[in-house]
Amino acid sequence: MKKIITTKNAPAPIGPYNQAILVNDTLYLSGQIGLDPRLMKMVEGDIKKETEQVMENLKNVLEAAEMTFNHVIKSSIFLSDMEDFGEVNEVYGSYFLNETAPARETVAVRTLPKHVRVEISMIAVK
């Protein structure tokens, strides 16, 4: 049975999807972008600032499901410019321990919603 996970501490969906879906012990987190959930506006600043907001949004969705980044088993990172990889990786990596970090892919895409520079989705298991 699926359970919809939602929190006001992450941006409301901007389309026909939910922030996350819990099925048994597996949580599927929709892609997050650097929207400030209080204002529903993009954070201002460089790619690091944008990535920090993405990770905080994901953290808040995880917390709504009573999970943490320790539960994450898979991440997908989408970049509009692969030149941002190093800075995104630095911020992303600060949320995980190397020895327990999840599986991951990073993909360059032509454009992202709202023309953001980074979007990240995750799968977590209790």
PDB file of N, CA and C in Angstrom:
ATOM      1  N   MET A   1       0.843  -1.180   0.000  1.00  0.00           N
ATOM      2  CA  MET A   1       0.000   0.000   0.000  1.00  0.00           C
ATOM      3  C   MET A   1       0.886   1.240   0.000  1.00  0.00           C
ATOM      4  N   LYS A   2       0.532   2.215  -0.798  1.00  0.00           N
ATOM      5  CA  LYS A   2       1.344   3.424  -0.864  1.00  0.00           C
ATOM      6  C   LYS A   2       0.772   4.503   0.050  1.00  0.00           C
ATOM      7  N   LYS A   3       1.712   5.262   0.628  1.00  0.00           N
ATOM      8  CA  LYS A   3       1.358   6.366   1.514  1.00  0.00           C
ATOM      9  C   LYS A   3       2.028   7.626   0.967  1.00  0.00           C
ATOM     10  N   ILE A   4       1.257   8.673   0.807  1.00  0.00           N
ATOM     11  CA  ILE A   4       1.791   9.935   0.322  1.00  0.00           C
ATOM     12  C   ILE A   4       2.451  10.667   1.478  1.00  0.00           C
ATOM     13  N   ILE A   5       3.689  11.108   1.249  1.00  0.00           N
ATOM     14  CA  ILE A   5       4.440  11.865   2.247  1.00  0.00           C
ATOM     15  C   ILE A   5       4.501  13.312   1.785  1.00  0.00           C
ATOM     16  N   THR A   6       4.151  14.216   2.674  1.00  0.00           N
ATOM     17  CA  THR A   6       4.167  15.631   2.341  1.00  0.00           C
ATOM     18  C   THR A   6       4.580  16.446   3.562  1.00  0.00           C
ATOM     19  N   THR A   7       5.231  17.559   3.317  1.00  0.00           N
ATOM     20  CA  THR A   7       5.637  18.471   4.379  1.00  0.00           C
ATOM     21  C   THR A   7       5.621  19.900   3.857  1.00  0.00           C
ATOM     22  N   LYS A   8       5.288  20.826   4.736  1.00  0.00           N
ATOM     23  CA  LYS A   8       5.350  22.247   4.375  1.00  0.00           C
ATOM     24  C   LYS A   8       6.783  22.761   4.415  1.00  0.00           C
ATOM     25  N   ASN A   9       7.717  21.927   4.893  1.00  0.00           N
ATOM     26  CA  ASN A   9       9.126  22.309   4.989  1.00  0.00           C
ATOM     27  C   ASN A   9       9.906  22.038   3.709  1.00  0.00           C
ATOM     28  N   ALA A  10       9.197  21.636   2.672  1.00  0.00           N
ATOM     29  CA  ALA A  10       9.774  21.459   1.340  1.00  0.00           C
ATOM     30  C   ALA A  10       8.781  22.075   0.358  1.00  0.00           C
ATOM     31  N   PRO A  11       9.264  22.470  -0.819  1.00  0.00           N
ATOM     32  CA  PRO A  11       8.364  23.117  -1.779  1.00  0.00           C
ATOM     33  C   PRO A  11       7.179  22.235  -2.164  1.00  0.00           C
ATOM     34  N   ALA A  12       6.032  22.878  -2.295  1.00  0.00           N
ATOM     35  CA  ALA A  12       4.851  22.173  -2.788  1.00  0.00           C
ATOM     36  C   ALA A  12       5.110  21.760  -4.234  1.00  0.00           C
ATOM     37  N   PRO A  13       4.576  20.622  -4.645  1.00  0.00           N
ATOM     38  CA  PRO A  13       4.755  20.187  -6.028  1.00  0.00           C
ATOM     39  C   PRO A  13       4.255  21.247  -7.019  1.00  0.00           C
ATOM     40  N   ILE A  14       4.966  21.357  -8.142  1.00  0.00           N
ATOM     41  CA  ILE A  14       4.573  22.309  -9.183  1.00  0.00           C
ATOM     42  C   ILE A  14       3.969  21.576 -10.380  1.00  0.00           C
ATOM     43  N   GLY A  15       3.433  20.403 -10.113  1.00  0.00           N
ATOM     44  CA  GLY A  15       2.829  19.582 -11.153  1.00  0.00           C
ATOM     45  C   GLY A  15       2.056  18.437 -10.513  1.00  0.00           C
ATOM     46  N   PRO A  16       1.592  17.486 -11.316  1.00  0.00           N
ATOM     47  CA  PRO A  16       0.804  16.367 -10.802  1.00  0.00           C
ATOM     48  C   PRO A  16       1.684  15.256 -10.213  1.00  0.00           C
ATOM     49  N   TYR A  17       2.299  15.538  -9.083  1.00  0.00           N
ATOM     50  CA  TYR A  17       3.118  14.556  -8.374  1.00  0.00           C
ATOM     51  C   TYR A  17       3.135  14.911  -6.895  1.00  0.00           C
ATOM     52  N   ASN A  18       3.689  14.032  -6.071  1.00  0.00           N
ATOM     53  CA  ASN A  18       3.815  14.256  -4.634  1.00  0.00           C
ATOM     54  C   ASN A  18       5.286  14.380  -4.258  1.00  0.00           C
ATOM     55  N   GLN A  19       5.553  14.948  -3.098  1.00  0.00           N
ATOM     56  CA  GLN A  19       6.930  15.100  -2.639  1.00  0.00           C
ATOM     57  C   GLN A  19       7.605  13.738  -2.472  1.00  0.00           C
ATOM     58  N   ALA A  20       6.855  12.772  -1.970  1.00  0.00           N
ATOM     59  CA  ALA A  20       7.405  11.420  -1.810  1.00  0.00           C
ATOM     60  C   ALA A  20       6.266  10.425  -1.667  1.00  0.00           C
ATOM     61  N   ILE A  21       6.585   9.176  -1.978  1.00  0.00           N
ATOM     62  CA  ILE A  21       5.649   8.070  -1.808  1.00  0.00           C
ATOM     63  C   ILE A  21       6.362   6.978  -1.025  1.00  0.00           C
ATOM     64  N   LEU A  22       5.720   6.525   0.045  1.00  0.00           N
ATOM     65  CA  LEU A  22       6.249   5.422   0.855  1.00  0.00           C
ATOM     66  C   LEU A  22       5.491   4.157   0.494  1.00  0.00           C
ATOM     67  N   VAL A  23       6.225   3.123   0.081  1.00  0.00           N
ATOM     68  CA  VAL A  23       5.643   1.818  -0.212  1.00  0.00           C
ATOM     69  C   VAL A  23       6.381   0.813   0.652  1.00  0.00           C
ATOM     70  N   ASN A  24       5.663   0.222   1.596  1.00  0.00           N
ATOM     71  CA  ASN A  24       6.275  -0.653   2.598  1.00  0.00           C
ATOM     72  C   ASN A  24       7.379   0.137   3.302  1.00  0.00           C
ATOM     73  N   ASP A  25       8.615  -0.266   3.204  1.00  0.00           N
ATOM     74  CA  ASP A  25       9.716   0.441   3.860  1.00  0.00           C
ATOM     75  C   ASP A  25      10.544   1.274   2.887  1.00  0.00           C
ATOM     76  N   THR A  26      10.075   1.412   1.656  1.00  0.00           N
ATOM     77  CA  THR A  26      10.840   2.148   0.641  1.00  0.00           C
ATOM     78  C   THR A  26      10.186   3.490   0.351  1.00  0.00           C
ATOM     79  N   LEU A  27      11.003   4.543   0.415  1.00  0.00           N
ATOM     80  CA  LEU A  27      10.542   5.899   0.159  1.00  0.00           C
ATOM     81  C   LEU A  27      11.112   6.378  -1.167  1.00  0.00           C
ATOM     82  N   TYR A  28      10.244   6.823  -2.053  1.00  0.00           N
ATOM     83  CA  TYR A  28      10.635   7.362  -3.345  1.00  0.00           C
ATOM     84  C   TYR A  28      10.440   8.878  -3.283  1.00  0.00           C
ATOM     85  N   LEU A  29      11.541   9.621  -3.284  1.00  0.00           N
ATOM     86  CA  LEU A  29      11.483  11.075  -3.182  1.00  0.00           C
ATOM     87  C   LEU A  29      11.535  11.691  -4.572  1.00  0.00           C
ATOM     88  N   SER A  30      10.556  12.537  -4.866  1.00  0.00           N
ATOM     89  CA  SER A  30      10.551  13.255  -6.136  1.00  0.00           C
ATOM     90  C   SER A  30      11.739  14.197  -6.195  1.00  0.00           C
ATOM     91  N   GLY A  31      12.131  14.553  -7.403  1.00  0.00           N
ATOM     92  CA  GLY A  31      13.230  15.479  -7.577  1.00  0.00           C
ATOM     93  C   GLY A  31      12.945  16.810  -6.904  1.00  0.00           C
ATOM     94  N   GLN A  32      13.958  17.324  -6.234  1.00  0.00           N
ATOM     95  CA  GLN A  32      13.852  18.630  -5.586  1.00  0.00           C
ATOM     96  C   GLN A  32      14.765  19.615  -6.311  1.00  0.00           C
ATOM     97  N   ILE A  33      14.304  20.845  -6.376  1.00  0.00           N
ATOM     98  CA  ILE A  33      15.102  21.931  -6.925  1.00  0.00           C
ATOM     99  C   ILE A  33      15.301  22.964  -5.819  1.00  0.00           C
ATOM    100  N   GLY A  34      16.031  24.007  -6.102  1.00  0.00           N
ATOM    101  CA  GLY A  34      16.399  24.981  -5.093  1.00  0.00           C
ATOM    102  C   GLY A  34      15.337  26.012  -4.754  1.00  0.00           C
ATOM    103  N   LEU A  35      14.096  25.584  -4.633  1.00  0.00           N
ATOM    104  CA  LEU A  35      13.016  26.480  -4.230  1.00  0.00           C
ATOM    105  C   LEU A  35      12.994  26.607  -2.714  1.00  0.00           C
ATOM    106  N   ASP A  36      12.887  27.826  -2.225  1.00  0.00           N
ATOM    107  CA  ASP A  36      12.675  28.072  -0.802  1.00  0.00           C
ATOM    108  C   ASP A  36      11.204  27.733  -0.519  1.00  0.00           C
ATOM    109  N   PRO A  37      10.930  26.768   0.383  1.00  0.00           N
ATOM    110  CA  PRO A  37       9.549  26.336   0.584  1.00  0.00           C
ATOM    111  C   PRO A  37       8.649  27.405   1.194  1.00  0.00           C
ATOM    112  N   ARG A  38       9.213  28.357   1.903  1.00  0.00           N
ATOM    113  CA  ARG A  38       8.379  29.404   2.508  1.00  0.00           C
ATOM    114  C   ARG A  38       7.900  30.406   1.465  1.00  0.00           C
ATOM    115  N   LEU A  39       8.763  30.711   0.507  1.00  0.00           N
ATOM    116  CA  LEU A  39       8.450  31.733  -0.492  1.00  0.00           C
ATOM    117  C   LEU A  39       8.058  31.160  -1.844  1.00  0.00           C
ATOM    118  N   MET A  40       8.385  29.869  -2.056  1.00  0.00           N
ATOM    119  CA  MET A  40       8.193  29.208  -3.352  1.00  0.00           C
ATOM    120  C   MET A  40       8.901  29.990  -4.454  1.00  0.00           C
ATOM    121  N   LYS A  41      10.093  30.505  -4.107  1.00  0.00           N
ATOM    122  CA  LYS A  41      10.958  31.185  -5.064  1.00  0.00           C
ATOM    123  C   LYS A  41      12.333  30.555  -4.989  1.00  0.00           C
ATOM    124  N   MET A  42      13.038  30.602  -6.104  1.00  0.00           N
ATOM    125  CA  MET A  42      14.393  30.068  -6.139  1.00  0.00           C
ATOM    126  C   MET A  42      15.308  30.848  -5.214  1.00  0.00           C
ATOM    127  N   VAL A  43      16.192  30.124  -4.530  1.00  0.00           N
ATOM    128  CA  VAL A  43      17.197  30.810  -3.716  1.00  0.00           C
ATOM    129  C   VAL A  43      18.139  31.543  -4.646  1.00  0.00           C
ATOM    130  N   GLU A  44      18.664  32.632  -4.171  1.00  0.00           N
ATOM    131  CA  GLU A  44      19.617  33.403  -4.961  1.00  0.00           C
ATOM    132  C   GLU A  44      21.022  32.979  -4.584  1.00  0.00           C
ATOM    133  N   GLY A  45      21.920  33.046  -5.532  1.00  0.00           N
ATOM    134  CA  GLY A  45      23.305  32.709  -5.257  1.00  0.00           C
ATOM    135  C   GLY A  45      23.863  31.736  -6.268  1.00  0.00           C
ATOM    136  N   ASP A  46      25.025  31.218  -5.933  1.00  0.00           N
ATOM    137  CA  ASP A  46      25.746  30.331  -6.831  1.00  0.00           C
ATOM    138  C   ASP A  46      25.204  28.902  -6.783  1.00  0.00           C
ATOM    139  N   ILE A  47      25.834  28.022  -7.527  1.00  0.00           N
ATOM    140  CA  ILE A  47      25.385  26.624  -7.608  1.00  0.00           C
ATOM    141  C   ILE A  47      25.463  25.931  -6.252  1.00  0.00           C
ATOM    142  N   LYS A  48      26.421  26.312  -5.417  1.00  0.00           N
ATOM    143  CA  LYS A  48      26.507  25.719  -4.079  1.00  0.00           C
ATOM    144  C   LYS A  48      25.275  26.078  -3.251  1.00  0.00           C
ATOM    145  N   LYS A  49      24.860  27.323  -3.298  1.00  0.00           N
ATOM    146  CA  LYS A  49      23.679  27.767  -2.555  1.00  0.00           C
ATOM    147  C   LYS A  49      22.439  27.039  -3.056  1.00  0.00           C
ATOM    148  N   GLU A  50      22.340  26.891  -4.364  1.00  0.00           N
ATOM    149  CA  GLU A  50      21.201  26.183  -4.954  1.00  0.00           C
ATOM    150  C   GLU A  50      21.199  24.720  -4.508  1.00  0.00           C
ATOM    151  N   THR A  51      22.362  24.088  -4.521  1.00  0.00           N
ATOM    152  CA  THR A  51      22.462  22.680  -4.113  1.00  0.00           C
ATOM    153  C   THR A  51      22.156  22.511  -2.634  1.00  0.00           C
ATOM    154  N   GLU A  52      22.614  23.444  -1.809  1.00  0.00           N
ATOM    155  CA  GLU A  52      22.294  23.379  -0.371  1.00  0.00           C
ATOM    156  C   GLU A  52      20.788  23.394  -0.152  1.00  0.00           C
ATOM    157  N   GLN A  53      20.072  24.249  -0.890  1.00  0.00           N
ATOM    158  CA  GLN A  53      18.620  24.302  -0.737  1.00  0.00           C
ATOM    159  C   GLN A  53      17.978  23.003  -1.204  1.00  0.00           C
ATOM    160  N   VAL A  54      18.480  22.436  -2.291  1.00  0.00           N
ATOM    161  CA  VAL A  54      17.974  21.147  -2.774  1.00  0.00           C
ATOM    162  C   VAL A  54      18.133  20.086  -1.677  1.00  0.00           C
ATOM    163  N   MET A  55      19.317  20.021  -1.087  1.00  0.00           N
ATOM    164  CA  MET A  55      19.583  19.006  -0.062  1.00  0.00           C
ATOM    165  C   MET A  55      18.749  19.246   1.196  1.00  0.00           C
ATOM    166  N   GLU A  56      18.539  20.485   1.562  1.00  0.00           N
ATOM    167  CA  GLU A  56      17.690  20.789   2.723  1.00  0.00           C
ATOM    168  C   GLU A  56      16.237  20.399   2.441  1.00  0.00           C
ATOM    169  N   ASN A  57      15.779  20.639   1.222  1.00  0.00           N
ATOM    170  CA  ASN A  57      14.425  20.217   0.851  1.00  0.00           C
ATOM    171  C   ASN A  57      14.291  18.702   0.951  1.00  0.00           C
ATOM    172  N   LEU A  58      15.289  17.976   0.440  1.00  0.00           N
ATOM    173  CA  LEU A  58      15.265  16.516   0.523  1.00  0.00           C
ATOM    174  C   LEU A  58      15.311  16.062   1.972  1.00  0.00           C
ATOM    175  N   LYS A  59      16.142  16.698   2.779  1.00  0.00           N
ATOM    176  CA  LYS A  59      16.237  16.352   4.206  1.00  0.00           C
ATOM    177  C   LYS A  59      14.881  16.509   4.887  1.00  0.00           C
ATOM    178  N   ASN A  60      14.169  17.572   4.563  1.00  0.00           N
ATOM    179  CA  ASN A  60      12.869  17.812   5.179  1.00  0.00           C
ATOM    180  C   ASN A  60      11.822  16.789   4.751  1.00  0.00           C
ATOM    181  N   VAL A  61      11.884  16.349   3.510  1.00  0.00           N
ATOM    182  CA  VAL A  61      10.966  15.297   3.060  1.00  0.00           C
ATOM    183  C   VAL A  61      11.317  13.978   3.754  1.00  0.00           C
ATOM    184  N   LEU A  62      12.596  13.671   3.848  1.00  0.00           N
ATOM    185  CA  LEU A  62      13.024  12.468   4.581  1.00  0.00           C
ATOM    186  C   LEU A  62      12.518  12.507   6.019  1.00  0.00           C
ATOM    187  N   GLU A  63      12.674  13.645   6.677  1.00  0.00           N
ATOM    188  CA  GLU A  63      12.226  13.777   8.065  1.00  0.00           C
ATOM    189  C   GLU A  63      10.724  13.589   8.190  1.00  0.00           C
ATOM    190  N   ALA A  64       9.961  14.039   7.200  1.00  0.00           N
ATOM    191  CA  ALA A  64       8.508  13.855   7.222  1.00  0.00           C
ATOM    192  C   ALA A  64       8.136  12.374   7.184  1.00  0.00           C
ATOM    193  N   ALA A  65       9.038  11.560   6.638  1.00  0.00           N
ATOM    194  CA  ALA A  65       8.836  10.104   6.580  1.00  0.00           C
ATOM    195  C   ALA A  65       9.585   9.400   7.715  1.00  0.00           C
ATOM    196  N   GLU A  66      10.091  10.186   8.678  1.00  0.00           N
ATOM    197  CA  GLU A  66      10.849   9.656   9.813  1.00  0.00           C
ATOM    198  C   GLU A  66      12.101   8.915   9.360  1.00  0.00           C
ATOM    199  N   MET A  67      12.809   9.521   8.393  1.00  0.00           N
ATOM    200  CA  MET A  67      14.060   8.982   7.877  1.00  0.00           C
ATOM    201  C   MET A  67      15.112  10.086   7.853  1.00  0.00           C
ATOM    202  N   THR A  68      16.349   9.684   7.562  1.00  0.00           N
ATOM    203  CA  THR A  68      17.463  10.609   7.424  1.00  0.00           C
ATOM    204  C   THR A  68      18.244  10.236   6.168  1.00  0.00           C
ATOM    205  N   PHE A  69      19.310  10.989   5.902  1.00  0.00           N
ATOM    206  CA  PHE A  69      20.161  10.657   4.758  1.00  0.00           C
ATOM    207  C   PHE A  69      20.823   9.290   4.933  1.00  0.00           C
ATOM    208  N   ASN A  70      20.908   8.790   6.152  1.00  0.00           N
ATOM    209  CA  ASN A  70      21.462   7.447   6.376  1.00  0.00           C
ATOM    210  C   ASN A  70      20.607   6.358   5.744  1.00  0.00           C
ATOM    211  N   HIS A  71      19.338   6.654   5.493  1.00  0.00           N
ATOM    212  CA  HIS A  71      18.425   5.685   4.882  1.00  0.00           C
ATOM    213  C   HIS A  71      18.485   5.689   3.353  1.00  0.00           C
ATOM    214  N   VAL A  72      19.131   6.688   2.772  1.00  0.00           N
ATOM    215  CA  VAL A  72      19.151   6.831   1.311  1.00  0.00           C
ATOM    216  C   VAL A  72      20.039   5.759   0.686  1.00  0.00           C
ATOM    217  N   ILE A  73      19.479   5.039  -0.291  1.00  0.00           N
ATOM    218  CA  ILE A  73      20.240   3.980  -0.968  1.00  0.00           C
ATOM    219  C   ILE A  73      20.583   4.342  -2.412  1.00  0.00           C
ATOM    220  N   LYS A  74      19.894   5.360  -2.972  1.00  0.00           N
ATOM    221  CA  LYS A  74      20.102   5.719  -4.378  1.00  0.00           C
ATOM    222  C   LYS A  74      19.768   7.184  -4.578  1.00  0.00           C
ATOM    223  N   SER A  75      20.637   7.887  -5.276  1.00  0.00           N
ATOM    224  CA  SER A  75      20.394   9.286  -5.646  1.00  0.00           C
ATOM    225  C   SER A  75      20.574   9.447  -7.148  1.00  0.00           C
ATOM    226  N   SER A  76      19.822  10.361  -7.705  1.00  0.00           N
ATOM    227  CA  SER A  76      19.984  10.751  -9.098  1.00  0.00           C
ATOM    228  C   SER A  76      20.152  12.264  -9.129  1.00  0.00           C
ATOM    229  N   ILE A  77      21.263  12.708  -9.708  1.00  0.00           N
ATOM    230  CA  ILE A  77      21.541  14.135  -9.810  1.00  0.00           C
ATOM    231  C   ILE A  77      21.469  14.533 -11.276  1.00  0.00           C
ATOM    232  N   PHE A  78      20.719  15.588 -11.541  1.00  0.00           N
ATOM    233  CA  PHE A  78      20.563  16.105 -12.891  1.00  0.00           C
ATOM    234  C   PHE A  78      21.144  17.516 -12.924  1.00  0.00           C
ATOM    235  N   LEU A  79      22.084  17.748 -13.819  1.00  0.00           N
ATOM    236  CA  LEU A  79      22.747  19.040 -13.945  1.00  0.00           C
ATOM    237  C   LEU A  79      22.502  19.626 -15.328  1.00  0.00           C
ATOM    238  N   SER A  80      22.251  20.921 -15.377  1.00  0.00           N
ATOM    239  CA  SER A  80      22.107  21.572 -16.676  1.00  0.00           C
ATOM    240  C   SER A  80      23.466  21.925 -17.266  1.00  0.00           C
ATOM    241  N   ASP A  81      24.523  21.850 -16.433  1.00  0.00           N
ATOM    242  CA  ASP A  81      25.879  22.121 -16.902  1.00  0.00           C
ATOM    243  C   ASP A  81      26.857  21.256 -16.118  1.00  0.00           C
ATOM    244  N   MET A  82      27.500  20.315 -16.780  1.00  0.00           N
ATOM    245  CA  MET A  82      28.416  19.404 -16.102  1.00  0.00           C
ATOM    246  C   MET A  82      29.616  20.137 -15.506  1.00  0.00           C
ATOM    247  N   GLU A  83      29.841  21.369 -15.901  1.00  0.00           N
ATOM    248  CA  GLU A  83      30.906  22.183 -15.295  1.00  0.00           C
ATOM    249  C   GLU A  83      30.627  22.433 -13.807  1.00  0.00           C
ATOM    250  N   ASP A  84      29.377  22.292 -13.383  1.00  0.00           N
ATOM    251  CA  ASP A  84      28.998  22.494 -11.978  1.00  0.00           C
ATOM    252  C   ASP A  84      29.220  21.245 -11.121  1.00  0.00           C
ATOM    253  N   PHE A  85      29.654  20.152 -11.753  1.00  0.00           N
ATOM    254  CA  PHE A  85      29.764  18.862 -11.049  1.00  0.00           C
ATOM    255  C   PHE A  85      30.569  18.964  -9.751  1.00  0.00           C
ATOM    256  N   GLY A  86      31.739  19.562  -9.783  1.00  0.00           N
ATOM    257  CA  GLY A  86      32.603  19.612  -8.615  1.00  0.00           C
ATOM    258  C   GLY A  86      31.960  20.313  -7.433  1.00  0.00           C
ATOM    259  N   GLU A  87      31.347  21.449  -7.680  1.00  0.00           N
ATOM    260  CA  GLU A  87      30.727  22.207  -6.596  1.00  0.00           C
ATOM    261  C   GLU A  87      29.472  21.507  -6.071  1.00  0.00           C
ATOM    262  N   VAL A  88      28.675  20.938  -6.959  1.00  0.00           N
ATOM    263  CA  VAL A  88      27.498  20.182  -6.530  1.00  0.00           C
ATOM    264  C   VAL A  88      27.939  18.970  -5.716  1.00  0.00           C
ATOM    265  N   ASN A  89      28.940  18.266  -6.199  1.00  0.00           N
ATOM    266  CA  ASN A  89      29.444  17.081  -5.519  1.00  0.00           C
ATOM    267  C   ASN A  89      29.950  17.423  -4.107  1.00  0.00           C
ATOM    268  N   GLU A  90      30.608  18.574  -3.978  1.00  0.00           N
ATOM    269  CA  GLU A  90      31.125  19.003  -2.674  1.00  0.00           C
ATOM    270  C   GLU A  90      29.986  19.207  -1.672  1.00  0.00           C
ATOM    271  N   VAL A  91      28.946  19.914  -2.089  1.00  0.00           N
ATOM    272  CA  VAL A  91      27.803  20.148  -1.197  1.00  0.00           C
ATOM    273  C   VAL A  91      27.075  18.836  -0.922  1.00  0.00           C
ATOM    274  N   TYR A  92      26.756  18.090  -1.964  1.00  0.00           N
ATOM    275  CA  TYR A  92      26.064  16.806  -1.822  1.00  0.00           C
ATOM    276  C   TYR A  92      26.831  15.898  -0.865  1.00  0.00           C
ATOM    277  N   GLY A  93      28.135  15.793  -1.064  1.00  0.00           N
ATOM    278  CA  GLY A  93      28.965  14.908  -0.247  1.00  0.00           C
ATOM    279  C   GLY A  93      28.993  15.277   1.221  1.00  0.00           C
ATOM    280  N   SER A  94      28.753  16.542   1.543  1.00  0.00           N
ATOM    281  CA  SER A  94      28.768  16.966   2.946  1.00  0.00           C
ATOM    282  C   SER A  94      27.586  16.412   3.736  1.00  0.00           C
ATOM    283  N   TYR A  95      26.597  15.857   3.060  1.00  0.00           N
ATOM    284  CA  TYR A  95      25.422  15.289   3.718  1.00  0.00           C
ATOM    285  C   TYR A  95      25.552  13.783   3.957  1.00  0.00           C
ATOM    286  N   PHE A  96      26.640  13.173   3.490  1.00  0.00           N
ATOM    287  CA  PHE A  96      26.839  11.729   3.606  1.00  0.00           C
ATOM    288  C   PHE A  96      28.238  11.412   4.115  1.00  0.00           C
ATOM    289  N   LEU A  97      28.378  10.237   4.723  1.00  0.00           N
ATOM    290  CA  LEU A  97      29.695   9.688   5.026  1.00  0.00           C
ATOM    291  C   LEU A  97      30.129   8.870   3.819  1.00  0.00           C
ATOM    292  N   ASN A  98      31.376   8.990   3.413  1.00  0.00           N
ATOM    293  CA  ASN A  98      31.849   8.261   2.236  1.00  0.00           C
ATOM    294  C   ASN A  98      31.606   6.768   2.332  1.00  0.00           C
ATOM    295  N   GLU A  99      31.835   6.206   3.511  1.00  0.00           N
ATOM    296  CA  GLU A  99      31.735   4.746   3.637  1.00  0.00           C
ATOM    297  C   GLU A  99      30.296   4.227   3.597  1.00  0.00           C
ATOM    298  N   THR A 100      29.297   5.102   3.780  1.00  0.00           N
ATOM    299  CA  THR A 100      27.903   4.653   3.726  1.00  0.00           C
ATOM    300  C   THR A 100      27.086   5.431   2.689  1.00  0.00           C
ATOM    301  N   ALA A 101      27.759   6.161   1.814  1.00  0.00           N
ATOM    302  CA  ALA A 101      27.058   6.957   0.796  1.00  0.00           C
ATOM    303  C   ALA A 101      26.247   6.040  -0.131  1.00  0.00           C
ATOM    304  N   PRO A 102      25.139   6.559  -0.659  1.00  0.00           N
ATOM    305  CA  PRO A 102      24.297   5.737  -1.534  1.00  0.00           C
ATOM    306  C   PRO A 102      24.887   5.560  -2.920  1.00  0.00           C
ATOM    307  N   ALA A 103      24.295   4.649  -3.671  1.00  0.00           N
ATOM    308  CA  ALA A 103      24.591   4.546  -5.103  1.00  0.00           C
ATOM    309  C   ALA A 103      24.079   5.831  -5.754  1.00  0.00           C
ATOM    310  N   ARG A 104      24.672   6.185  -6.914  1.00  0.00           N
ATOM    311  CA  ARG A 104      24.296   7.470  -7.512  1.00  0.00           C
ATOM    312  C   ARG A 104      24.695   7.532  -8.969  1.00  0.00           C
ATOM    313  N   GLU A 105      23.936   8.323  -9.728  1.00  0.00           N
ATOM    314  CA  GLU A 105      24.381   8.730 -11.049  1.00  0.00           C
ATOM    315  C   GLU A 105      24.196  10.232 -11.150  1.00  0.00           C
ATOM    316  N   THR A 106      25.020  10.837 -11.980  1.00  0.00           N
ATOM    317  CA  THR A 106      24.911  12.265 -12.271  1.00  0.00           C
ATOM    318  C   THR A 106      24.786  12.393 -13.778  1.00  0.00           C
ATOM    319  N   VAL A 107      23.744  13.066 -14.207  1.00  0.00           N
ATOM    320  CA  VAL A 107      23.423  13.144 -15.625  1.00  0.00           C
ATOM    321  C   VAL A 107      23.325  14.607 -16.049  1.00  0.00           C
ATOM    322  N   ALA A 108      23.934  14.930 -17.158  1.00  0.00           N
ATOM    323  CA  ALA A 108      23.786  16.256 -17.745  1.00  0.00           C
ATOM    324  C   ALA A 108      22.527  16.258 -18.604  1.00  0.00           C
ATOM    325  N   VAL A 109      21.703  17.273 -18.418  1.00  0.00           N
ATOM    326  CA  VAL A 109      20.462  17.405 -19.180  1.00  0.00           C
ATOM    327  C   VAL A 109      20.429  18.776 -19.855  1.00  0.00           C
ATOM    328  N   ARG A 110      19.602  18.880 -20.846  1.00  0.00           N
ATOM    329  CA  ARG A 110      19.553  20.142 -21.590  1.00  0.00           C
ATOM    330  C   ARG A 110      18.942  21.272 -20.761  1.00  0.00           C
ATOM    331  N   THR A 111      17.792  21.010 -20.133  1.00  0.00           N
ATOM    332  CA  THR A 111      17.147  21.987 -19.257  1.00  0.00           C
ATOM    333  C   THR A 111      16.431  21.257 -18.130  1.00  0.00           C
ATOM    334  N   LEU A 112      16.124  22.007 -17.075  1.00  0.00           N
ATOM    335  CA  LEU A 112      15.396  21.484 -15.927  1.00  0.00           C
ATOM    336  C   LEU A 112      14.214  22.405 -15.639  1.00  0.00           C
ATOM    337  N   PRO A 113      13.246  21.937 -14.834  1.00  0.00           N
ATOM    338  CA  PRO A 113      12.108  22.796 -14.507  1.00  0.00           C
ATOM    339  C   PRO A 113      12.567  24.150 -13.968  1.00  0.00           C
ATOM    340  N   LYS A 114      11.885  25.182 -14.374  1.00  0.00           N
ATOM    341  CA  LYS A 114      12.185  26.558 -13.950  1.00  0.00           C
ATOM    342  C   LYS A 114      13.604  26.983 -14.324  1.00  0.00           C
ATOM    343  N   HIS A 115      14.224  26.237 -15.232  1.00  0.00           N
ATOM    344  CA  HIS A 115      15.579  26.536 -15.712  1.00  0.00           C
ATOM    345  C   HIS A 115      16.612  26.558 -14.593  1.00  0.00           C
ATOM    346  N   VAL A 116      16.417  25.660 -13.603  1.00  0.00           N
ATOM    347  CA  VAL A 116      17.372  25.541 -12.501  1.00  0.00           C
ATOM    348  C   VAL A 116      18.635  24.849 -12.995  1.00  0.00           C
ATOM    349  N   ARG A 117      19.662  24.862 -12.166  1.00  0.00           N
ATOM    350  CA  ARG A 117      20.935  24.249 -12.535  1.00  0.00           C
ATOM    351  C   ARG A 117      21.087  22.835 -12.014  1.00  0.00           C
ATOM    352  N   VAL A 118      20.317  22.471 -10.961  1.00  0.00           N
ATOM    353  CA  VAL A 118      20.456  21.149 -10.367  1.00  0.00           C
ATOM    354  C   VAL A 118      19.106  20.664  -9.837  1.00  0.00           C
ATOM    355  N   GLU A 119      18.855  19.367 -10.017  1.00  0.00           N
ATOM    356  CA  GLU A 119      17.708  18.680  -9.434  1.00  0.00           C
ATOM    357  C   GLU A 119      18.211  17.338  -8.928  1.00  0.00           C
ATOM    358  N   ILE A 120      17.726  16.929  -7.744  1.00  0.00           N
ATOM    359  CA  ILE A 120      18.159  15.661  -7.164  1.00  0.00           C
ATOM    360  C   ILE A 120      16.923  14.894  -6.674  1.00  0.00           C
ATOM    361  N   SER A 121      16.869  13.607  -7.018  1.00  0.00           N
ATOM    362  CA  SER A 121      15.835  12.713  -6.490  1.00  0.00           C
ATOM    363  C   SER A 121      16.530  11.590  -5.726  1.00  0.00           C
ATOM    364  N   MET A 122      15.789  10.899  -4.874  1.00  0.00           N
ATOM    365  CA  MET A 122      16.378   9.856  -4.039  1.00  0.00           C
ATOM    366  C   MET A 122      15.407   8.710  -3.792  1.00  0.00           C
ATOM    367  N   ILE A 123      15.985   7.586  -3.384  1.00  0.00           N
ATOM    368  CA  ILE A 123      15.234   6.440  -2.873  1.00  0.00           C
ATOM    369  C   ILE A 123      15.842   6.105  -1.530  1.00  0.00           C
ATOM    370  N   ALA A 124      14.986   5.888  -0.525  1.00  0.00           N
ATOM    371  CA  ALA A 124      15.475   5.560   0.820  1.00  0.00           C
ATOM    372  C   ALA A 124      14.713   4.337   1.345  1.00  0.00           C
ATOM    373  N   VAL A 125      15.366   3.587   2.232  1.00  0.00           N
ATOM    374  CA  VAL A 125      14.756   2.396   2.806  1.00  0.00           C
ATOM    375  C   VAL A 125      14.966   2.411   4.316  1.00  0.00           C
ATOM    376  N   LYS A 126      13.892   2.104   5.049  1.00  0.00           N
ATOM    377  CA  LYS A 126      13.989   2.017   6.514  1.00  0.00           C
ATOM    378  C   LYS A 126      14.694   0.748   6.902  1.00  0.00           C
TER     379      LYS A 126
END
